[in-house]
All heavy atoms as atom14 arrays in JSON, in Angstrom:
{
  "sequence": "GELLGLSFNDTFDGFRGELAAETIESPAVVLAAGAARRTLPIPGLRE",
  "atom14_mask": [
    [1, 1, 1, 1, 0, 0, 0, 0, 0, 0, 0, 0, 0, 0],
    [1, 1, 1, 1, 1, 1, 1, 1, 1, 0, 0, 0, 0, 0],
    [1, 1, 1, 1, 1, 1, 1, 1, 0, 0, 0, 0, 0, 0],
    [1, 1, 1, 1, 1, 1, 1, 1, 0, 0, 0, 0, 0, 0],
    [1, 1, 1, 1, 0, 0, 0, 0, 0, 0, 0, 0, 0, 0],
    [1, 1, 1, 1, 1, 1, 1, 1, 0, 0, 0, 0, 0, 0],
    [1, 1, 1, 1, 1, 1, 0, 0, 0, 0, 0, 0, 0, 0],
    [1, 1, 1, 1, 1, 1, 1, 1, 1, 1, 1, 0, 0, 0],
    [1, 1, 1, 1, 1, 1, 1, 1, 0, 0, 0, 0, 0, 0],
    [1, 1, 1, 1, 1, 1, 1, 1, 0, 0, 0, 0, 0, 0],
    [1, 1, 1, 1, 1, 1, 1, 0, 0, 0, 0, 0, 0, 0],
    [1, 1, 1, 1, 1, 1, 1, 1, 1, 1, 1, 0, 0, 0],
    [1, 1, 1, 1, 1, 1, 1, 1, 0, 0, 0, 0, 0, 0],
    [1, 1, 1, 1, 0, 0, 0, 0, 0, 0, 0, 0, 0, 0],
    [1, 1, 1, 1, 1, 1, 1, 1, 1, 1, 1, 0, 0, 0],
    [1, 1, 1, 1, 1, 1, 1, 1, 1, 1, 1, 0, 0, 0],
    [1, 1, 1, 1, 0, 0, 0, 0, 0, 0, 0, 0, 0, 0],
    [1, 1, 1, 1, 1, 1, 1, 1, 1, 0, 0, 0, 0, 0],
    [1, 1, 1, 1, 1, 1, 1, 1, 0, 0, 0, 0, 0, 0],
    [1, 1, 1, 1, 1, 0, 0, 0, 0, 0, 0, 0, 0, 0],
    [1, 1, 1, 1, 1, 0, 0, 0, 0, 0, 0, 0, 0, 0],
    [1, 1, 1, 1, 1, 1, 1, 1, 1, 0, 0, 0, 0, 0],
    [1, 1, 1, 1, 1, 1, 1, 0, 0, 0, 0, 0, 0, 0],
    [1, 1, 1, 1, 1, 1, 1, 1, 0, 0, 0, 0, 0, 0],
    [1, 1, 1, 1, 1, 1, 1, 1, 1, 0, 0, 0, 0, 0],
    [1, 1, 1, 1, 1, 1, 0, 0, 0, 0, 0, 0, 0, 0],
    [1, 1, 1, 1, 1, 1, 1, 0, 0, 0, 0, 0, 0, 0],
    [1, 1, 1, 1, 1, 0, 0, 0, 0, 0, 0, 0, 0, 0],
    [1, 1, 1, 1, 1, 1, 1, 0, 0, 0, 0, 0, 0, 0],
    [1, 1, 1, 1, 1, 1, 1, 0, 0, 0, 0, 0, 0, 0],
    [1, 1, 1, 1, 1, 1, 1, 1, 0, 0, 0, 0, 0, 0],
    [1, 1, 1, 1, 1, 0, 0, 0, 0, 0, 0, 0, 0, 0],
    [1, 1, 1, 1, 1, 0, 0, 0, 0, 0, 0, 0, 0, 0],
    [1, 1, 1, 1, 0, 0, 0, 0, 0, 0, 0, 0, 0, 0],
    [1, 1, 1, 1, 1, 0, 0, 0, 0, 0, 0, 0, 0, 0],
    [1, 1, 1, 1, 1, 0, 0, 0, 0, 0, 0, 0, 0, 0],
    [1, 1, 1, 1, 1, 1, 1, 1, 1, 1, 1, 0, 0, 0],
    [1, 1, 1, 1, 1, 1, 1, 1, 1, 1, 1, 0, 0, 0],
    [1, 1, 1, 1, 1, 1, 1, 0, 0, 0, 0, 0, 0, 0],
    [1, 1, 1, 1, 1, 1, 1, 1, 0, 0, 0, 0, 0, 0],
    [1, 1, 1, 1, 1, 1, 1, 0, 0, 0, 0, 0, 0, 0],
    [1, 1, 1, 1, 1, 1, 1, 1, 0, 0, 0, 0, 0, 0],
    [1, 1, 1, 1, 1, 1, 1, 0, 0, 0, 0, 0, 0, 0],
    [1, 1, 1, 1, 0, 0, 0, 0, 0, 0, 0, 0, 0, 0],
    [1, 1, 1, 1, 1, 1, 1, 1, 0, 0, 0, 0, 0, 0],
    [1, 1, 1, 1, 1, 1, 1, 1, 1, 1, 1, 0, 0, 0],
    [1, 1, 1, 1, 1, 1, 1, 1, 1, 0, 0, 0, 0, 0]
  ],
  "atom14_positions": [
    [[-16.61, 27.82, -3.79], [-15.57, 27.27, -2.91], [-14.53, 26.54, -3.73], [-14.66, 26.38, -4.95], [0.0, 0.0, 0.0], [0.0, 0.0, 0.0], [0.0, 0.0, 0.0], [0.0, 0.0, 0.0], [0.0, 0.0, 0.0], [0.0, 0.0, 0.0], [0.0, 0.0, 0.0], [0.0, 0.0, 0.0], [0.0, 0.0, 0.0], [0.0, 0.0, 0.0]],
    [[-13.52, 26.09, -3.05], [-12.42, 25.37, -3.7], [-12.58, 23.88, -3.48], [-12.69, 23.42, -2.34], [-11.09, 25.84, -3.11], [-9.89, 25.13, -3.7], [-8.59, 25.56, -3.03], [-8.57, 26.62, -2.37], [-7.6, 24.83, -3.18], [0.0, 0.0, 0.0], [0.0, 0.0, 0.0], [0.0, 0.0, 0.0], [0.0, 0.0, 0.0], [0.0, 0.0, 0.0]],
    [[-12.62, 23.11, -4.56], [-12.67, 21.66, -4.44], [-11.28, 21.17, -4.11], [-10.34, 21.33, -4.89], [-13.17, 21.02, -5.73], [-13.6, 19.56, -5.55], [-15.0, 19.51, -4.94], [-13.59, 18.81, -6.86], [0.0, 0.0, 0.0], [0.0, 0.0, 0.0], [0.0, 0.0, 0.0], [0.0, 0.0, 0.0], [0.0, 0.0, 0.0], [0.0, 0.0, 0.0]],
    [[-11.13, 20.55, -2.95], [-9.82, 20.13, -2.47], [-9.47, 18.71, -2.88], [-8.3, 18.35, -3.0], [-9.78, 20.23, -0.94], [-10.08, 21.62, -0.36], [-10.14, 21.56, 1.15], [-9.04, 22.62, -0.84], [0.0, 0.0, 0.0], [0.0, 0.0, 0.0], [0.0, 0.0, 0.0], [0.0, 0.0, 0.0], [0.0, 0.0, 0.0], [0.0, 0.0, 0.0]],
    [[-10.48, 17.88, -3.09], [-10.22, 16.5, -3.47], [-11.45, 15.84, -4.05], [-12.58, 16.27, -3.82], [0.0, 0.0, 0.0], [0.0, 0.0, 0.0], [0.0, 0.0, 0.0], [0.0, 0.0, 0.0], [0.0, 0.0, 0.0], [0.0, 0.0, 0.0], [0.0, 0.0, 0.0], [0.0, 0.0, 0.0], [0.0, 0.0, 0.0], [0.0, 0.0, 0.0]],
    [[-11.22, 14.8, -4.82], [-12.29, 14.01, -5.42], [-11.95, 12.55, -5.2], [-10.86, 12.1, -5.54], [-12.4, 14.31, -6.91], [-13.51, 13.59, -7.68], [-14.88, 14.06, -7.2], [-13.38, 13.82, -9.18], [0.0, 0.0, 0.0], [0.0, 0.0, 0.0], [0.0, 0.0, 0.0], [0.0, 0.0, 0.0], [0.0, 0.0, 0.0], [0.0, 0.0, 0.0]],
    [[-12.89, 11.8, -4.62], [-12.62, 10.4, -4.31], [-13.88, 9.58, -4.53], [-14.96, 10.12, -4.76], [-12.14, 10.25, -2.86], [-13.12, 10.76, -1.95], [0.0, 0.0, 0.0], [0.0, 0.0, 0.0], [0.0, 0.0, 0.0], [0.0, 0.0, 0.0], [0.0, 0.0, 0.0], [0.0, 0.0, 0.0], [0.0, 0.0, 0.0], [0.0, 0.0, 0.0]],
    [[-13.73, 8.26, -4.47], [-14.89, 7.39, -4.56], [-15.63, 7.4, -3.24], [-15.02, 7.44, -2.17], [-14.47, 5.96, -4.92], [-13.87, 5.84, -6.29], [-12.51, 5.59, -6.44], [-14.64, 6.01, -7.42], [-11.94, 5.48, -7.7], [-14.08, 5.91, -8.69], [-12.73, 5.65, -8.82], [0.0, 0.0, 0.0], [0.0, 0.0, 0.0], [0.0, 0.0, 0.0]],
    [[-16.95, 7.35, -3.31], [-17.77, 7.34, -2.11], [-17.81, 5.96, -1.5], [-18.02, 4.97, -2.2], [-19.19, 7.83, -2.44], [-19.94, 8.27, -1.22], [-20.07, 7.53, -0.25], [-20.44, 9.48, -1.25], [0.0, 0.0, 0.0], [0.0, 0.0, 0.0], [0.0, 0.0, 0.0], [0.0, 0.0, 0.0], [0.0, 0.0, 0.0], [0.0, 0.0, 0.0]],
    [[-17.61, 5.88, -0.19], [-17.59, 4.59, 0.5], [-18.98, 4.0, 0.71], [-19.13, 2.8, 0.87], [-16.9, 4.73, 1.86], [-15.44, 5.16, 1.73], [-14.82, 4.78, 0.72], [-14.94, 5.85, 2.63], [0.0, 0.0, 0.0], [0.0, 0.0, 0.0], [0.0, 0.0, 0.0], [0.0, 0.0, 0.0], [0.0, 0.0, 0.0], [0.0, 0.0, 0.0]],
    [[-20.0, 4.86, 0.73], [-21.33, 4.39, 1.09], [-22.23, 4.06, -0.09], [-23.22, 3.39, 0.06], [-22.04, 5.45, 1.97], [-22.09, 6.7, 1.25], [-21.27, 5.66, 3.27], [0.0, 0.0, 0.0], [0.0, 0.0, 0.0], [0.0, 0.0, 0.0], [0.0, 0.0, 0.0], [0.0, 0.0, 0.0], [0.0, 0.0, 0.0], [0.0, 0.0, 0.0]],
    [[-21.88, 4.55, -1.28], [-22.68, 4.19, -2.45], [-21.8, 4.31, -3.69], [-20.68, 4.8, -3.65], [-23.93, 5.08, -2.57], [-23.68, 6.45, -3.14], [-24.04, 6.76, -4.43], [-23.07, 7.44, -2.37], [-23.81, 8.01, -4.96], [-22.85, 8.7, -2.89], [-23.22, 8.99, -4.19], [0.0, 0.0, 0.0], [0.0, 0.0, 0.0], [0.0, 0.0, 0.0]],
    [[-22.32, 3.81, -4.79], [-21.56, 3.76, -6.03], [-21.52, 5.14, -6.68], [-22.38, 5.5, -7.47], [-22.22, 2.74, -6.98], [-21.43, 2.58, -8.26], [-20.24, 2.95, -8.27], [-21.99, 2.08, -9.24], [0.0, 0.0, 0.0], [0.0, 0.0, 0.0], [0.0, 0.0, 0.0], [0.0, 0.0, 0.0], [0.0, 0.0, 0.0], [0.0, 0.0, 0.0]],
    [[-20.51, 5.92, -6.32], [-20.42, 7.27, -6.84], [-19.17, 7.96, -6.35], [-18.17, 7.34, -6.02], [0.0, 0.0, 0.0], [0.0, 0.0, 0.0], [0.0, 0.0, 0.0], [0.0, 0.0, 0.0], [0.0, 0.0, 0.0], [0.0, 0.0, 0.0], [0.0, 0.0, 0.0], [0.0, 0.0, 0.0], [0.0, 0.0, 0.0], [0.0, 0.0, 0.0]],
    [[-19.24, 9.29, -6.29], [-18.08, 10.11, -5.96], [-18.36, 11.02, -4.78], [-19.51, 11.31, -4.45], [-17.68, 10.97, -7.18], [-17.38, 10.17, -8.41], [-18.39, 9.87, -9.32], [-16.1, 9.71, -8.67], [-18.12, 9.14, -10.47], [-15.82, 8.97, -9.81], [-16.83, 8.69, -10.71], [0.0, 0.0, 0.0], [0.0, 0.0, 0.0], [0.0, 0.0, 0.0]],
    [[-17.27, 11.49, -4.19], [-17.37, 12.44, -3.1], [-16.42, 13.6, -3.39], [-15.21, 13.41, -3.51], [-16.99, 11.79, -1.77], [-17.1, 12.72, -0.57], [-16.9, 12.0, 0.75], [-15.56, 11.42, 0.83], [-15.32, 10.11, 0.89], [-16.32, 9.25, 0.87], [-14.07, 9.66, 0.99], [0.0, 0.0, 0.0], [0.0, 0.0, 0.0], [0.0, 0.0, 0.0]],
    [[-16.98, 14.8, -3.51], [-16.18, 16.0, -3.72], [-15.98, 16.69, -2.38], [-16.95, 16.96, -1.67], [0.0, 0.0, 0.0], [0.0, 0.0, 0.0], [0.0, 0.0, 0.0], [0.0, 0.0, 0.0], [0.0, 0.0, 0.0], [0.0, 0.0, 0.0], [0.0, 0.0, 0.0], [0.0, 0.0, 0.0], [0.0, 0.0, 0.0], [0.0, 0.0, 0.0]],
    [[-14.74, 16.97, -2.03], [-14.42, 17.54, -0.73], [-14.09, 19.02, -0.85], [-13.17, 19.41, -1.56], [-13.22, 16.8, -0.13], [-13.43, 15.31, 0.05], [-12.14, 14.59, 0.39], [-11.23, 15.24, 0.95], [-12.03, 13.4, 0.08], [0.0, 0.0, 0.0], [0.0, 0.0, 0.0], [0.0, 0.0, 0.0], [0.0, 0.0, 0.0], [0.0, 0.0, 0.0]],
    [[-14.88, 19.84, -0.15], [-14.6, 21.26, -0.01], [-14.21, 21.51, 1.43], [-14.34, 20.63, 2.29], [-15.82, 22.11, -0.38], [-16.19, 22.17, -1.87], [-17.04, 20.98, -2.27], [-16.9, 23.47, -2.19], [0.0, 0.0, 0.0], [0.0, 0.0, 0.0], [0.0, 0.0, 0.0], [0.0, 0.0, 0.0], [0.0, 0.0, 0.0], [0.0, 0.0, 0.0]],
    [[-13.73, 22.71, 1.73], [-13.3, 23.01, 3.08], [-14.46, 22.91, 4.07], [-14.29, 22.43, 5.19], [-12.67, 24.4, 3.14], [0.0, 0.0, 0.0], [0.0, 0.0, 0.0], [0.0, 0.0, 0.0], [0.0, 0.0, 0.0], [0.0, 0.0, 0.0], [0.0, 0.0, 0.0], [0.0, 0.0, 0.0], [0.0, 0.0, 0.0], [0.0, 0.0, 0.0]],
    [[-15.64, 23.35, 3.66], [-16.77, 23.42, 4.58], [-17.83, 22.35, 4.4], [-18.7, 22.2, 5.24], [-17.43, 24.8, 4.47], [0.0, 0.0, 0.0], [0.0, 0.0, 0.0], [0.0, 0.0, 0.0], [0.0, 0.0, 0.0], [0.0, 0.0, 0.0], [0.0, 0.0, 0.0], [0.0, 0.0, 0.0], [0.0, 0.0, 0.0], [0.0, 0.0, 0.0]],
    [[-17.77, 21.59, 3.31], [-18.79, 20.57, 3.09], [-18.31, 19.5, 2.11], [-17.27, 19.65, 1.46], [-20.08, 21.2, 2.57], [-19.97, 21.83, 1.19], [-21.29, 22.44, 0.73], [-22.32, 21.75, 0.83], [-21.28, 23.6, 0.29], [0.0, 0.0, 0.0], [0.0, 0.0, 0.0], [0.0, 0.0, 0.0], [0.0, 0.0, 0.0], [0.0, 0.0, 0.0]],
    [[-19.09, 18.43, 2.04], [-18.82, 17.34, 1.11], [-20.03, 17.16, 0.21], [-21.17, 17.23, 0.67], [-18.55, 16.03, 1.88], [-17.37, 16.2, 2.68], [-18.33, 14.87, 0.92], [0.0, 0.0, 0.0], [0.0, 0.0, 0.0], [0.0, 0.0, 0.0], [0.0, 0.0, 0.0], [0.0, 0.0, 0.0], [0.0, 0.0, 0.0], [0.0, 0.0, 0.0]],
    [[-19.78, 16.95, -1.07], [-20.87, 16.77, -2.03], [-20.78, 15.36, -2.62], [-19.72, 14.98, -3.14], [-20.8, 17.82, -3.16], [-20.85, 19.22, -2.58], [-21.94, 17.6, -4.16], [-20.66, 20.32, -3.62], [0.0, 0.0, 0.0], [0.0, 0.0, 0.0], [0.0, 0.0, 0.0], [0.0, 0.0, 0.0], [0.0, 0.0, 0.0], [0.0, 0.0, 0.0]],
    [[-21.85, 14.61, -2.52], [-21.9, 13.25, -3.06], [-22.69, 13.23, -4.35], [-23.73, 13.88, -4.47], [-22.55, 12.31, -2.04], [-21.78, 12.19, -0.74], [-22.48, 11.28, 0.26], [-23.7, 11.07, 0.11], [-21.81, 10.77, 1.18], [0.0, 0.0, 0.0], [0.0, 0.0, 0.0], [0.0, 0.0, 0.0], [0.0, 0.0, 0.0], [0.0, 0.0, 0.0]],
    [[-22.19, 12.46, -5.33], [-22.86, 12.41, -6.62], [-22.49, 11.13, -7.35], [-21.35, 10.67, -7.25], [-22.44, 13.62, -7.47], [-23.0, 13.54, -8.76], [0.0, 0.0, 0.0], [0.0, 0.0, 0.0], [0.0, 0.0, 0.0], [0.0, 0.0, 0.0], [0.0, 0.0, 0.0], [0.0, 0.0, 0.0], [0.0, 0.0, 0.0], [0.0, 0.0, 0.0]],
    [[-23.43, 10.56, -8.12], [-23.1, 9.37, -8.91], [-22.28, 9.68, -10.16], [-21.72, 8.78, -10.78], [-24.47, 8.81, -9.29], [-25.37, 10.01, -9.29], [-24.86, 10.89, -8.19], [0.0, 0.0, 0.0], [0.0, 0.0, 0.0], [0.0, 0.0, 0.0], [0.0, 0.0, 0.0], [0.0, 0.0, 0.0], [0.0, 0.0, 0.0], [0.0, 0.0, 0.0]],
    [[-22.2, 10.98, -10.54], [-21.49, 11.35, -11.76], [-20.83, 12.7, -11.58], [-21.33, 13.57, -10.87], [-22.45, 11.38, -12.96], [0.0, 0.0, 0.0], [0.0, 0.0, 0.0], [0.0, 0.0, 0.0], [0.0, 0.0, 0.0], [0.0, 0.0, 0.0], [0.0, 0.0, 0.0], [0.0, 0.0, 0.0], [0.0, 0.0, 0.0], [0.0, 0.0, 0.0]],
    [[-19.69, 12.87, -12.25], [-18.91, 14.1, -12.14], [-18.46, 14.53, -13.53], [-18.07, 13.7, -14.35], [-17.68, 13.9, -11.23], [-16.75, 15.12, -11.29], [-18.1, 13.64, -9.79], [0.0, 0.0, 0.0], [0.0, 0.0, 0.0], [0.0, 0.0, 0.0], [0.0, 0.0, 0.0], [0.0, 0.0, 0.0], [0.0, 0.0, 0.0], [0.0, 0.0, 0.0]],
    [[-18.5, 15.84, -13.78], [-17.92, 16.41, -15.0], [-16.78, 17.34, -14.59], [-16.98, 18.31, -13.85], [-18.96, 17.21, -15.81], [-18.29, 17.84, -17.04], [-20.11, 16.32, -16.25], [0.0, 0.0, 0.0], [0.0, 0.0, 0.0], [0.0, 0.0, 0.0], [0.0, 0.0, 0.0], [0.0, 0.0, 0.0], [0.0, 0.0, 0.0], [0.0, 0.0, 0.0]],
    [[-15.58, 17.02, -15.06], [-14.42, 17.88, -14.82], [-14.38, 18.96, -15.89], [-14.28, 18.66, -17.07], [-13.13, 17.06, -14.87], [-12.95, 15.96, -13.84], [-11.68, 15.16, -14.13], [-12.91, 16.54, -12.43], [0.0, 0.0, 0.0], [0.0, 0.0, 0.0], [0.0, 0.0, 0.0], [0.0, 0.0, 0.0], [0.0, 0.0, 0.0], [0.0, 0.0, 0.0]],
    [[-14.46, 20.21, -15.47], [-14.42, 21.32, -16.42], [-13.72, 22.51, -15.77], [-14.15, 23.65, -15.91], [-15.83, 21.69, -16.87], [0.0, 0.0, 0.0], [0.0, 0.0, 0.0], [0.0, 0.0, 0.0], [0.0, 0.0, 0.0], [0.0, 0.0, 0.0], [0.0, 0.0, 0.0], [0.0, 0.0, 0.0], [0.0, 0.0, 0.0], [0.0, 0.0, 0.0]],
    [[-12.65, 22.21, -15.05], [-11.97, 23.24, -14.26], [-10.72, 23.78, -14.93], [-9.81, 24.28, -14.28], [-11.62, 22.68, -12.87], [0.0, 0.0, 0.0], [0.0, 0.0, 0.0], [0.0, 0.0, 0.0], [0.0, 0.0, 0.0], [0.0, 0.0, 0.0], [0.0, 0.0, 0.0], [0.0, 0.0, 0.0], [0.0, 0.0, 0.0], [0.0, 0.0, 0.0]],
    [[-10.67, 23.67, -16.26], [-9.54, 24.25, -16.96], [-8.36, 23.31, -17.11], [-8.44, 22.13, -16.76], [0.0, 0.0, 0.0], [0.0, 0.0, 0.0], [0.0, 0.0, 0.0], [0.0, 0.0, 0.0], [0.0, 0.0, 0.0], [0.0, 0.0, 0.0], [0.0, 0.0, 0.0], [0.0, 0.0, 0.0], [0.0, 0.0, 0.0], [0.0, 0.0, 0.0]],
    [[-7.26, 23.86, -17.62], [-6.15, 23.03, -18.05], [-4.93, 23.2, -17.17], [-4.78, 24.16, -16.44], [-5.78, 23.39, -19.49], [0.0, 0.0, 0.0], [0.0, 0.0, 0.0], [0.0, 0.0, 0.0], [0.0, 0.0, 0.0], [0.0, 0.0, 0.0], [0.0, 0.0, 0.0], [0.0, 0.0, 0.0], [0.0, 0.0, 0.0], [0.0, 0.0, 0.0]],
    [[-4.05, 22.22, -17.3], [-2.65, 22.28, -16.88], [-2.41, 22.52, -15.41], [-2.85, 23.48, -14.82], [-1.89, 23.31, -17.68], [0.0, 0.0, 0.0], [0.0, 0.0, 0.0], [0.0, 0.0, 0.0], [0.0, 0.0, 0.0], [0.0, 0.0, 0.0], [0.0, 0.0, 0.0], [0.0, 0.0, 0.0], [0.0, 0.0, 0.0], [0.0, 0.0, 0.0]],
    [[-1.64, 21.61, -14.85], [-1.19, 21.75, -13.47], [-0.15, 22.87, -13.39], [0.55, 23.16, -14.34], [-0.56, 20.44, -13.0], [0.69, 20.07, -13.75], [1.05, 18.63, -13.53], [2.3, 18.29, -14.2], [2.69, 17.06, -14.46], [1.92, 16.06, -14.14], [3.84, 16.83, -15.05], [0.0, 0.0, 0.0], [0.0, 0.0, 0.0], [0.0, 0.0, 0.0]],
    [[-0.05, 23.47, -12.22], [0.92, 24.53, -12.02], [2.22, 23.98, -11.47], [2.23, 23.11, -10.61], [0.35, 25.59, -11.06], [-0.78, 26.4, -11.63], [-1.22, 27.46, -10.66], [-0.13, 28.35, -10.3], [-0.22, 29.28, -9.34], [-1.34, 29.41, -8.67], [0.8, 30.06, -9.06], [0.0, 0.0, 0.0], [0.0, 0.0, 0.0], [0.0, 0.0, 0.0]],
    [[3.31, 24.5, -11.96], [4.61, 24.1, -11.46], [5.42, 25.36, -11.19], [4.88, 26.48, -11.22], [5.33, 23.16, -12.45], [6.54, 22.69, -11.86], [5.58, 23.84, -13.78], [0.0, 0.0, 0.0], [0.0, 0.0, 0.0], [0.0, 0.0, 0.0], [0.0, 0.0, 0.0], [0.0, 0.0, 0.0], [0.0, 0.0, 0.0], [0.0, 0.0, 0.0]],
    [[6.7, 25.21, -10.93], [7.56, 26.35, -10.63], [8.85, 26.25, -11.42], [9.34, 25.14, -11.67], [7.89, 26.38, -9.12], [6.74, 26.65, -8.15], [7.19, 26.38, -6.72], [6.25, 28.08, -8.28], [0.0, 0.0, 0.0], [0.0, 0.0, 0.0], [0.0, 0.0, 0.0], [0.0, 0.0, 0.0], [0.0, 0.0, 0.0], [0.0, 0.0, 0.0]],
    [[9.45, 27.38, -11.8], [10.71, 27.34, -12.53], [11.91, 27.16, -11.6], [12.79, 28.02, -11.51], [10.73, 28.72, -13.22], [9.99, 29.61, -12.27], [8.91, 28.75, -11.65], [0.0, 0.0, 0.0], [0.0, 0.0, 0.0], [0.0, 0.0, 0.0], [0.0, 0.0, 0.0], [0.0, 0.0, 0.0], [0.0, 0.0, 0.0], [0.0, 0.0, 0.0]],
    [[11.92, 26.05, -10.91], [12.99, 25.76, -9.94], [13.89, 24.67, -10.5], [13.39, 23.62, -10.91], [12.39, 25.32, -8.58], [11.58, 26.46, -7.97], [13.49, 24.87, -7.62], [10.83, 26.07, -6.72], [0.0, 0.0, 0.0], [0.0, 0.0, 0.0], [0.0, 0.0, 0.0], [0.0, 0.0, 0.0], [0.0, 0.0, 0.0], [0.0, 0.0, 0.0]],
    [[15.18, 24.88, -10.55], [16.1, 23.86, -11.08], [15.91, 22.51, -10.39], [15.85, 22.43, -9.15], [17.48, 24.44, -10.77], [17.27, 25.92, -10.73], [15.9, 26.1, -10.14], [0.0, 0.0, 0.0], [0.0, 0.0, 0.0], [0.0, 0.0, 0.0], [0.0, 0.0, 0.0], [0.0, 0.0, 0.0], [0.0, 0.0, 0.0], [0.0, 0.0, 0.0]],
    [[15.79, 21.46, -11.18], [15.66, 20.11, -10.65], [14.24, 19.62, -10.49], [14.01, 18.41, -10.41], [0.0, 0.0, 0.0], [0.0, 0.0, 0.0], [0.0, 0.0, 0.0], [0.0, 0.0, 0.0], [0.0, 0.0, 0.0], [0.0, 0.0, 0.0], [0.0, 0.0, 0.0], [0.0, 0.0, 0.0], [0.0, 0.0, 0.0], [0.0, 0.0, 0.0]],
    [[13.28, 20.54, -10.49], [11.9, 20.14, -10.23], [11.36, 19.24, -11.34], [10.85, 18.14, -11.09], [11.02, 21.38, -10.08], [9.67, 21.19, -9.38], [9.85, 20.65, -7.99], [8.93, 22.51, -9.32], [0.0, 0.0, 0.0], [0.0, 0.0, 0.0], [0.0, 0.0, 0.0], [0.0, 0.0, 0.0], [0.0, 0.0, 0.0], [0.0, 0.0, 0.0]],
    [[11.48, 19.68, -12.56], [10.97, 18.89, -13.68], [11.81, 17.64, -13.9], [11.27, 16.58, -14.24], [10.95, 19.74, -14.96], [10.21, 19.09, -16.11], [10.02, 20.05, -17.26], [9.23, 21.21, -16.9], [7.89, 21.21, -16.86], [7.23, 20.09, -17.14], [7.23, 22.29, -16.54], [0.0, 0.0, 0.0], [0.0, 0.0, 0.0], [0.0, 0.0, 0.0]],
    [[13.11, 17.73, -13.66], [13.99, 16.58, -13.87], [13.67, 15.42, -12.95], [13.9, 14.26, -13.29], [15.45, 17.01, -13.68], [16.0, 17.94, -14.76], [15.62, 19.4, -14.55], [14.79, 19.69, -13.65], [16.15, 20.24, -15.28], [0.0, 0.0, 0.0], [0.0, 0.0, 0.0], [0.0, 0.0, 0.0], [0.0, 0.0, 0.0], [0.0, 0.0, 0.0]]
  ]
}
C-alpha cells in the first residue's frame, strides 16, 4: 500500500503510519523509500 503520512502517536511514545485502509503503530521507524521529492518543470515553481 501507499504510506500517506507519518506522525507521532497520541496514545503512546511512538509513531503512526497512515495508509488508505489501515494505520500502523510502532515505537520505531526506518525510512528507506528512496530519494528526492518530485516537482514539475513549471515556470515560477522553484522560484
